[in-house]
Amino acid sequence: MMTEKIQLKVEGMSCGHCVKAVETGVGDLDGVKSVNVNLEKGLVDVDFDHSKVTIENIKEAIEEEGYIVK
């Protein structure tokens, strides 16, 4: 199993609900090991198995929750 870590800059997150939406949306993807949102810095750290899920899948999951991935 190959795990990879990425950090994405995400705009539009402003509260605990936003954090939960992103963590749930990304965390529900098959292959995602962990999601950590830093609300103050607007950063999302994702630890994932790139044989099961792509960075594009992760970005799409965040965008589907209504946030902008930079």
Protein backbone atom coordinates (compact mmCIF):
# COMPACT_ATOMS: atom_id res chain seq x y z
CA MET A 1 0.00 0.00 0.00
CA MET A 2 1.41 3.34 -1.07
CA THR A 3 0.28 6.24 1.04
CA GLU A 4 0.87 9.80 0.01
CA LYS A 5 0.36 13.08 1.85
CA ILE A 6 -0.81 16.28 0.21
CA GLN A 7 -1.64 19.73 1.50
CA LEU A 8 -4.27 21.75 -0.34
CA LYS A 9 -5.06 25.45 0.02
CA VAL A 10 -8.83 25.76 0.32
CA GLU A 11 -10.82 29.00 0.26
CA GLY A 12 -14.28 29.57 1.69
CA MET A 13 -14.01 27.63 4.96
CA SER A 14 -15.05 29.82 7.86
CA CYS A 15 -16.47 27.71 10.69
CA GLY A 16 -16.69 24.33 12.37
CA HIS A 17 -19.43 23.27 9.98
CA CYS A 18 -17.07 23.92 7.05
CA VAL A 19 -14.37 21.80 8.68
CA LYS A 20 -16.82 18.94 9.26
CA ALA A 21 -18.15 19.16 5.68
CA VAL A 22 -14.66 18.94 4.18
CA GLU A 23 -13.47 16.22 6.59
CA THR A 24 -16.59 14.13 5.92
CA GLY A 25 -16.65 14.72 2.16
CA VAL A 26 -13.00 13.80 1.71
CA GLY A 27 -12.90 11.20 4.48
CA ASP A 28 -15.71 9.22 2.84
CA LEU A 29 -13.59 8.62 -0.28
CA ASP A 30 -12.25 5.08 -0.55
CA GLY A 31 -8.49 5.17 0.05
CA VAL A 32 -8.39 8.29 2.23
CA LYS A 33 -6.63 7.50 5.50
CA SER A 34 -6.95 10.84 7.28
CA VAL A 35 -8.08 14.43 6.72
CA ASN A 36 -6.94 17.34 8.84
CA VAL A 37 -8.35 20.84 8.27
CA ASN A 38 -6.54 23.93 9.55
CA LEU A 39 -9.32 26.51 9.48
CA GLU A 40 -7.10 29.51 10.37
CA LYS A 41 -4.64 28.85 7.56
CA GLY A 42 -7.19 27.47 5.07
CA LEU A 43 -5.21 24.27 4.63
CA VAL A 44 -6.37 20.68 4.24
CA ASP A 45 -3.88 17.87 4.83
CA VAL A 46 -4.86 14.52 3.35
CA ASP A 47 -3.13 11.16 3.84
CA PHE A 48 -4.32 8.76 1.14
CA ASP A 49 -3.61 5.60 -0.82
CA HIS A 50 -2.95 6.83 -4.37
CA SER A 51 -3.69 3.40 -5.81
CA LYS A 52 -7.34 3.89 -4.74
CA VAL A 53 -7.97 7.65 -4.93
CA THR A 54 -6.43 10.52 -6.91
CA ILE A 55 -5.64 14.09 -5.95
CA GLU A 56 -8.31 15.09 -8.49
CA ASN A 57 -10.89 12.97 -6.63
CA ILE A 58 -9.96 14.72 -3.39
CA LYS A 59 -10.18 18.19 -4.97
CA GLU A 60 -13.57 17.32 -6.48
CA ALA A 61 -14.87 16.16 -3.10
CA ILE A 62 -13.87 19.51 -1.54
CA GLU A 63 -15.38 21.48 -4.43
CA GLU A 64 -18.62 19.48 -4.17
CA GLU A 65 -18.91 20.77 -0.59
CA GLY A 66 -18.80 24.32 -2.00
CA TYR A 67 -15.19 25.35 -1.39
CA ILE A 68 -12.47 26.49 -3.76
CA VAL A 69 -9.24 24.51 -4.04
CA LYS A 70 -6.30 26.75 -5.03
